Amino acid sequence: MQLSFNTLSLQGSNLSTARELKQSLEMNGIKYVNNVEDADLTIEILSESNDKRISAIGSDGKVSEYSLTYQIMFRTRLAGDPEWSEPKTVQAIQSLSFSDAAILSKANEEVMLINEMHKDALRELIRRLSAIKVIKH
């Protein structure tokens, strides 16, 4: 993926997404810097959240499907710009069918779906960063 910046400062690094984002960008040749003044672009991960909601109930009154949502909220700031962008959100949503008879396999499937949603949201976040045009002086 073509990115218009070479250096990145990352804030909110206590979140797992920040660590994964740093690794992904470094694999794309982006250098991570601690000092904001040395960065072409600063990104702050404001929050990340997982949510699980009932989305369907069977005729027997039991849950038959859940909706899983993973969301990352972030903002960016270009080098030399005192203003942050408006907060932006990326999210991934998956459906998980459910059965009491297969509770262990459904728990494993849920973990796999959550991991896949994290990867999808991270890819979307990087796509959003690729749309940012950094003007180098």
N, C-alpha and C. Protein backbone atom coordinates (compact mmCIF):
# COMPACT_ATOMS: atom_id res chain seq x y z
N MET A 1 0.84 -1.18 0.00
CA MET A 1 0.00 0.00 0.00
C MET A 1 0.89 1.24 0.00
N GLN A 2 0.56 2.22 -0.82
CA GLN A 2 1.34 3.44 -0.94
C GLN A 2 0.89 4.44 0.11
N LEU A 3 1.82 4.86 0.95
CA LEU A 3 1.54 5.85 1.99
C LEU A 3 2.36 7.10 1.70
N SER A 4 1.79 8.27 2.00
CA SER A 4 2.48 9.52 1.66
C SER A 4 3.35 10.03 2.80
N PHE A 5 3.51 9.24 3.84
CA PHE A 5 4.36 9.64 4.96
C PHE A 5 5.41 8.57 5.20
N ASN A 6 6.55 9.01 5.77
CA ASN A 6 7.65 8.09 6.04
C ASN A 6 7.82 7.80 7.53
N THR A 7 7.39 8.76 8.35
CA THR A 7 7.53 8.60 9.80
C THR A 7 6.19 8.80 10.47
N LEU A 8 6.01 8.08 11.56
CA LEU A 8 4.73 8.09 12.28
C LEU A 8 4.98 8.13 13.77
N SER A 9 4.21 8.95 14.45
CA SER A 9 4.18 8.95 15.90
C SER A 9 2.82 8.40 16.29
N LEU A 10 2.81 7.55 17.27
CA LEU A 10 1.59 6.85 17.65
C LEU A 10 1.29 7.14 19.11
N GLN A 11 0.09 7.63 19.37
CA GLN A 11 -0.35 7.87 20.74
C GLN A 11 -1.48 6.89 21.05
N GLY A 12 -1.70 6.67 22.33
CA GLY A 12 -2.70 5.69 22.73
C GLY A 12 -2.12 4.29 22.63
N SER A 13 -0.79 4.19 22.79
CA SER A 13 -0.10 2.93 22.52
C SER A 13 -0.35 1.85 23.56
N ASN A 14 -1.12 2.15 24.60
CA ASN A 14 -1.44 1.11 25.56
C ASN A 14 -2.51 0.16 25.02
N LEU A 15 -3.11 0.51 23.92
CA LEU A 15 -4.15 -0.33 23.32
C LEU A 15 -3.52 -1.34 22.36
N SER A 16 -4.10 -2.51 22.28
CA SER A 16 -3.54 -3.56 21.43
C SER A 16 -3.51 -3.14 19.97
N THR A 17 -4.49 -2.37 19.53
CA THR A 17 -4.53 -1.92 18.15
C THR A 17 -3.32 -1.08 17.80
N ALA A 18 -2.88 -0.24 18.73
CA ALA A 18 -1.73 0.61 18.47
C ALA A 18 -0.49 -0.24 18.19
N ARG A 19 -0.30 -1.29 18.96
CA ARG A 19 0.86 -2.17 18.77
C ARG A 19 0.78 -2.86 17.40
N GLU A 20 -0.40 -3.37 17.06
CA GLU A 20 -0.58 -4.04 15.77
C GLU A 20 -0.42 -3.07 14.60
N LEU A 21 -0.93 -1.85 14.76
CA LEU A 21 -0.79 -0.84 13.72
C LEU A 21 0.68 -0.50 13.50
N LYS A 22 1.40 -0.33 14.58
CA LYS A 22 2.83 -0.03 14.49
C LYS A 22 3.55 -1.13 13.72
N GLN A 23 3.28 -2.38 14.04
CA GLN A 23 3.93 -3.49 13.35
C GLN A 23 3.58 -3.51 11.86
N SER A 24 2.31 -3.30 11.54
CA SER A 24 1.88 -3.32 10.13
C SER A 24 2.53 -2.19 9.34
N LEU A 25 2.58 -1.00 9.91
CA LEU A 25 3.17 0.13 9.19
C LEU A 25 4.68 -0.04 9.04
N GLU A 26 5.33 -0.60 10.06
CA GLU A 26 6.77 -0.84 9.93
C GLU A 26 7.05 -1.84 8.81
N MET A 27 6.16 -2.82 8.63
CA MET A 27 6.33 -3.77 7.53
C MET A 27 6.16 -3.09 6.17
N ASN A 28 5.45 -1.94 6.15
CA ASN A 28 5.27 -1.16 4.92
C ASN A 28 6.33 -0.07 4.78
N GLY A 29 7.40 -0.14 5.58
CA GLY A 29 8.50 0.80 5.45
C GLY A 29 8.34 2.10 6.21
N ILE A 30 7.33 2.21 7.03
CA ILE A 30 7.11 3.42 7.81
C ILE A 30 7.91 3.32 9.10
N LYS A 31 8.64 4.38 9.41
CA LYS A 31 9.47 4.39 10.62
C LYS A 31 8.65 4.98 11.77
N TYR A 32 8.65 4.28 12.88
CA TYR A 32 7.96 4.74 14.08
C TYR A 32 8.92 5.63 14.87
N VAL A 33 8.46 6.82 15.25
CA VAL A 33 9.28 7.72 16.05
C VAL A 33 8.54 8.09 17.33
N ASN A 34 9.27 8.23 18.42
CA ASN A 34 8.66 8.58 19.70
C ASN A 34 8.29 10.05 19.79
N ASN A 35 9.11 10.90 19.17
CA ASN A 35 8.95 12.33 19.25
C ASN A 35 7.97 12.82 18.18
N VAL A 36 6.89 13.45 18.60
CA VAL A 36 5.87 13.95 17.67
C VAL A 36 6.46 14.92 16.66
N GLU A 37 7.43 15.72 17.07
CA GLU A 37 8.04 16.71 16.18
C GLU A 37 8.80 16.05 15.03
N ASP A 38 9.22 14.81 15.18
CA ASP A 38 9.96 14.11 14.14
C ASP A 38 9.06 13.33 13.18
N ALA A 39 7.76 13.36 13.42
CA ALA A 39 6.82 12.54 12.64
C ALA A 39 6.15 13.34 11.52
N ASP A 40 6.01 12.69 10.36
CA ASP A 40 5.22 13.28 9.27
C ASP A 40 3.74 13.27 9.64
N LEU A 41 3.35 12.23 10.38
CA LEU A 41 1.95 12.05 10.76
C LEU A 41 1.88 11.50 12.18
N THR A 42 0.96 12.04 12.96
CA THR A 42 0.71 11.50 14.30
C THR A 42 -0.70 10.94 14.30
N ILE A 43 -0.83 9.74 14.82
CA ILE A 43 -2.15 9.13 14.97
C ILE A 43 -2.37 8.83 16.44
N GLU A 44 -3.56 9.12 16.89
CA GLU A 44 -3.93 8.81 18.27
C GLU A 44 -5.11 7.84 18.23
N ILE A 45 -4.91 6.69 18.84
CA ILE A 45 -5.99 5.72 18.99
C ILE A 45 -6.78 6.17 20.22
N LEU A 46 -7.99 6.66 20.00
CA LEU A 46 -8.80 7.19 21.09
C LEU A 46 -9.48 6.08 21.87
N SER A 47 -9.95 5.06 21.16
CA SER A 47 -10.61 3.96 21.84
C SER A 47 -10.72 2.77 20.91
N GLU A 48 -10.92 1.62 21.50
CA GLU A 48 -11.26 0.42 20.75
C GLU A 48 -12.24 -0.36 21.61
N SER A 49 -13.19 -1.00 20.96
CA SER A 49 -14.20 -1.71 21.73
C SER A 49 -14.72 -2.93 20.97
N ASN A 50 -15.10 -3.92 21.75
CA ASN A 50 -15.76 -5.12 21.24
C ASN A 50 -17.17 -5.12 21.81
N ASP A 51 -18.13 -5.53 21.00
CA ASP A 51 -19.51 -5.59 21.46
C ASP A 51 -20.15 -6.87 20.93
N LYS A 52 -20.98 -7.46 21.74
CA LYS A 52 -21.70 -8.67 21.36
C LYS A 52 -23.16 -8.47 21.74
N ARG A 53 -24.01 -8.54 20.74
CA ARG A 53 -25.45 -8.33 20.97
C ARG A 53 -26.26 -9.46 20.35
N ILE A 54 -27.35 -9.74 20.97
CA ILE A 54 -28.28 -10.73 20.42
C ILE A 54 -28.91 -10.14 19.16
N SER A 55 -28.87 -10.89 18.06
CA SER A 55 -29.48 -10.39 16.84
C SER A 55 -30.64 -11.26 16.37
N ALA A 56 -30.79 -12.46 16.94
CA ALA A 56 -31.92 -13.31 16.56
C ALA A 56 -32.23 -14.30 17.69
N ILE A 57 -33.51 -14.54 17.84
CA ILE A 57 -33.98 -15.51 18.83
C ILE A 57 -34.84 -16.52 18.08
N GLY A 58 -34.59 -17.80 18.36
CA GLY A 58 -35.34 -18.86 17.68
C GLY A 58 -36.76 -19.00 18.21
N SER A 59 -37.54 -19.85 17.56
CA SER A 59 -38.93 -20.05 17.97
C SER A 59 -39.04 -20.66 19.37
N ASP A 60 -37.95 -21.26 19.85
CA ASP A 60 -37.94 -21.83 21.20
C ASP A 60 -37.58 -20.79 22.26
N GLY A 61 -37.38 -19.53 21.84
CA GLY A 61 -37.07 -18.45 22.78
C GLY A 61 -35.61 -18.36 23.15
N LYS A 62 -34.76 -19.18 22.53
CA LYS A 62 -33.33 -19.15 22.83
C LYS A 62 -32.58 -18.35 21.76
N VAL A 63 -31.45 -17.82 22.16
CA VAL A 63 -30.61 -17.05 21.23
C VAL A 63 -30.15 -17.97 20.11
N SER A 64 -30.32 -17.52 18.88
CA SER A 64 -29.85 -18.30 17.73
C SER A 64 -28.74 -17.59 16.96
N GLU A 65 -28.57 -16.26 17.21
CA GLU A 65 -27.52 -15.52 16.51
C GLU A 65 -27.12 -14.28 17.31
N TYR A 66 -25.82 -14.02 17.28
CA TYR A 66 -25.27 -12.81 17.88
C TYR A 66 -24.67 -11.94 16.77
N SER A 67 -24.61 -10.65 17.03
CA SER A 67 -23.90 -9.72 16.18
C SER A 67 -22.67 -9.26 16.95
N LEU A 68 -21.50 -9.46 16.36
CA LEU A 68 -20.24 -9.06 16.98
C LEU A 68 -19.73 -7.80 16.28
N THR A 69 -19.31 -6.81 17.04
CA THR A 69 -18.81 -5.57 16.47
C THR A 69 -17.48 -5.21 17.15
N TYR A 70 -16.52 -4.83 16.33
CA TYR A 70 -15.25 -4.32 16.83
C TYR A 70 -15.06 -2.95 16.21
N GLN A 71 -14.69 -1.97 17.04
CA GLN A 71 -14.62 -0.59 16.58
C GLN A 71 -13.34 0.08 17.10
N ILE A 72 -12.72 0.86 16.23
CA ILE A 72 -11.56 1.68 16.59
C ILE A 72 -11.89 3.13 16.28
N MET A 73 -11.67 4.01 17.26
CA MET A 73 -11.84 5.45 17.04
C MET A 73 -10.45 6.08 17.10
N PHE A 74 -10.14 6.91 16.10
CA PHE A 74 -8.82 7.53 16.03
C PHE A 74 -8.91 8.92 15.44
N ARG A 75 -7.81 9.65 15.57
CA ARG A 75 -7.68 10.95 14.92
C ARG A 75 -6.23 11.11 14.51
N THR A 76 -6.00 12.02 13.58
CA THR A 76 -4.65 12.22 13.05
C THR A 76 -4.29 13.69 13.07
N ARG A 77 -2.98 13.92 13.00
CA ARG A 77 -2.47 15.30 12.91
C ARG A 77 -1.23 15.28 12.04
N LEU A 78 -1.19 16.16 11.05
CA LEU A 78 -0.04 16.29 10.16
C LEU A 78 1.07 17.07 10.85
N ALA A 79 2.29 16.82 10.43
CA ALA A 79 3.45 17.54 10.98
C ALA A 79 3.25 19.03 10.82
N GLY A 80 3.53 19.78 11.87
CA GLY A 80 3.43 21.23 11.81
C GLY A 80 2.01 21.78 11.94
N ASP A 81 1.02 20.91 11.98
CA ASP A 81 -0.36 21.36 12.09
C ASP A 81 -0.80 21.24 13.56
N PRO A 82 -1.22 22.34 14.16
CA PRO A 82 -1.62 22.25 15.57
C PRO A 82 -2.98 21.57 15.78
N GLU A 83 -3.75 21.45 14.70
CA GLU A 83 -5.11 20.92 14.80
C GLU A 83 -5.17 19.41 14.51
N TRP A 84 -5.93 18.70 15.32
CA TRP A 84 -6.21 17.28 15.07
C TRP A 84 -7.36 17.18 14.07
N SER A 85 -7.40 16.10 13.33
CA SER A 85 -8.56 15.83 12.47
C SER A 85 -9.75 15.52 13.37
N GLU A 86 -10.92 15.53 12.79
CA GLU A 86 -12.10 15.06 13.51
C GLU A 86 -11.91 13.57 13.81
N PRO A 87 -12.39 13.10 14.95
CA PRO A 87 -12.29 11.65 15.22
C PRO A 87 -13.00 10.84 14.14
N LYS A 88 -12.36 9.75 13.76
CA LYS A 88 -12.90 8.86 12.75
C LYS A 88 -13.05 7.47 13.36
N THR A 89 -13.94 6.69 12.78
CA THR A 89 -14.20 5.35 13.30
C THR A 89 -14.11 4.33 12.18
N VAL A 90 -13.46 3.21 12.47
CA VAL A 90 -13.52 2.05 11.59
C VAL A 90 -14.13 0.92 12.42
N GLN A 91 -14.92 0.11 11.74
CA GLN A 91 -15.50 -1.01 12.47
C GLN A 91 -15.66 -2.22 11.58
N ALA A 92 -15.72 -3.35 12.25
CA ALA A 92 -15.95 -4.62 11.56
C ALA A 92 -17.10 -5.31 12.29
N ILE A 93 -17.98 -5.92 11.51
CA ILE A 93 -19.16 -6.58 12.08
C ILE A 93 -19.24 -8.00 11.53
N GLN A 94 -19.55 -8.94 12.39
CA GLN A 94 -19.72 -10.34 12.00
C GLN A 94 -20.95 -10.90 12.70
N SER A 95 -21.58 -11.86 12.07
CA SER A 95 -22.69 -12.59 12.68
C SER A 95 -22.16 -13.93 13.17
N LEU A 96 -22.64 -14.34 14.32
CA LEU A 96 -22.25 -15.62 14.91
C LEU A 96 -23.52 -16.40 15.23
N SER A 97 -23.76 -17.47 14.46
CA SER A 97 -24.90 -18.33 14.79
C SER A 97 -24.57 -19.02 16.10
N PHE A 98 -25.60 -19.37 16.86
CA PHE A 98 -25.37 -19.94 18.18
C PHE A 98 -26.26 -21.15 18.40
N SER A 99 -25.69 -22.11 19.10
CA SER A 99 -26.43 -23.33 19.46
C SER A 99 -25.92 -23.82 20.81
N ASP A 100 -26.85 -24.08 21.72
CA ASP A 100 -26.47 -24.63 23.03
C ASP A 100 -25.77 -25.98 22.88
N ALA A 101 -26.12 -26.72 21.84
CA ALA A 101 -25.56 -28.05 21.63
C ALA A 101 -24.08 -28.01 21.23
N ALA A 102 -23.64 -26.88 20.70
CA ALA A 102 -22.25 -26.77 20.23
C ALA A 102 -21.56 -25.59 20.90
N ILE A 103 -21.74 -25.45 22.20
CA ILE A 103 -21.27 -24.26 22.90
C ILE A 103 -19.75 -24.09 22.85
N LEU A 104 -18.99 -25.18 22.96
CA LEU A 104 -17.54 -25.07 22.93
C LEU A 104 -17.04 -24.66 21.54
N SER A 105 -17.55 -25.30 20.52
CA SER A 105 -17.12 -24.95 19.17
C SER A 105 -17.55 -23.53 18.81
N LYS A 106 -18.70 -23.08 19.31
CA LYS A 106 -19.16 -21.71 19.04
C LYS A 106 -18.28 -20.71 19.78
N ALA A 107 -17.79 -21.06 20.96
CA ALA A 107 -16.87 -20.17 21.68
C ALA A 107 -15.56 -20.03 20.90
N ASN A 108 -15.07 -21.14 20.36
CA ASN A 108 -13.86 -21.08 19.53
C ASN A 108 -14.09 -20.27 18.26
N GLU A 109 -15.25 -20.46 17.65
CA GLU A 109 -15.58 -19.70 16.44
C GLU A 109 -15.66 -18.20 16.75
N GLU A 110 -16.20 -17.86 17.91
CA GLU A 110 -16.29 -16.45 18.31
C GLU A 110 -14.90 -15.82 18.43
N VAL A 111 -13.97 -16.52 19.04
CA VAL A 111 -12.60 -16.03 19.17
C VAL A 111 -11.98 -15.82 17.79
N MET A 112 -12.18 -16.78 16.90
CA MET A 112 -11.65 -16.64 15.54
C MET A 112 -12.26 -15.45 14.81
N LEU A 113 -13.57 -15.25 14.95
CA LEU A 113 -14.24 -14.12 14.31
C LEU A 113 -13.74 -12.79 14.86
N ILE A 114 -13.55 -12.73 16.17
CA ILE A 114 -13.05 -11.50 16.78
C ILE A 114 -11.65 -11.19 16.27
N ASN A 115 -10.79 -12.19 16.19
CA ASN A 115 -9.45 -11.97 15.65
C ASN A 115 -9.50 -11.48 14.21
N GLU A 116 -10.39 -12.06 13.41
CA GLU A 116 -10.54 -11.65 12.01
C GLU A 116 -11.08 -10.22 11.93
N MET A 117 -12.00 -9.87 12.80
CA MET A 117 -12.53 -8.50 12.81
C MET A 117 -11.44 -7.50 13.17
N HIS A 118 -10.56 -7.84 14.10
CA HIS A 118 -9.44 -6.96 14.45
C HIS A 118 -8.56 -6.73 13.23
N LYS A 119 -8.25 -7.80 12.50
CA LYS A 119 -7.42 -7.67 11.29
C LYS A 119 -8.12 -6.83 10.23
N ASP A 120 -9.42 -7.05 10.03
CA ASP A 120 -10.18 -6.28 9.05
C ASP A 120 -10.19 -4.79 9.39
N ALA A 121 -10.42 -4.47 10.67
CA ALA A 121 -10.46 -3.07 11.11
C ALA A 121 -9.09 -2.43 10.95
N LEU A 122 -8.05 -3.17 11.24
CA LEU A 122 -6.69 -2.65 11.09
C LEU A 122 -6.38 -2.36 9.62
N ARG A 123 -6.78 -3.27 8.73
CA ARG A 123 -6.58 -3.03 7.29
C ARG A 123 -7.35 -1.78 6.85
N GLU A 124 -8.56 -1.61 7.33
CA GLU A 124 -9.35 -0.42 6.99
C GLU A 124 -8.69 0.84 7.54
N LEU A 125 -8.16 0.77 8.74
CA LEU A 125 -7.47 1.91 9.32
C LEU A 125 -6.27 2.30 8.46
N ILE A 126 -5.51 1.33 8.02
CA ILE A 126 -4.35 1.61 7.16
C ILE A 126 -4.81 2.18 5.82
N ARG A 127 -5.92 1.68 5.28
CA ARG A 127 -6.48 2.26 4.03
C ARG A 127 -6.84 3.73 4.25
N ARG A 128 -7.42 4.03 5.39
CA ARG A 128 -7.77 5.42 5.68
C ARG A 128 -6.52 6.29 5.79
N LEU A 129 -5.47 5.74 6.40
CA LEU A 129 -4.22 6.49 6.50
C LEU A 129 -3.59 6.71 5.13
N SER A 130 -3.78 5.75 4.22
CA SER A 130 -3.21 5.90 2.88
C SER A 130 -3.88 7.03 2.11
N ALA A 131 -5.07 7.43 2.52
CA ALA A 131 -5.78 8.52 1.84
C ALA A 131 -5.29 9.90 2.31
N ILE A 132 -4.53 9.92 3.39
CA ILE A 132 -4.02 11.19 3.91
C ILE A 132 -2.81 11.59 3.08
N LYS A 133 -2.84 12.80 2.59
CA LYS A 133 -1.74 13.31 1.76
C LYS A 133 -0.86 14.22 2.62
N VAL A 134 0.36 13.77 2.84
CA VAL A 134 1.34 14.53 3.60
C VAL A 134 2.21 15.29 2.62
N ILE A 135 2.32 16.59 2.81
CA ILE A 135 3.18 17.42 1.97
C ILE A 135 4.50 17.57 2.69
N LYS A 136 5.55 17.12 2.06
CA LYS A 136 6.88 17.17 2.66
C LYS A 136 7.56 18.46 2.26
N HIS A 137 8.20 19.08 3.23
CA HIS A 137 8.91 20.35 2.97
C HIS A 137 10.36 20.09 2.69
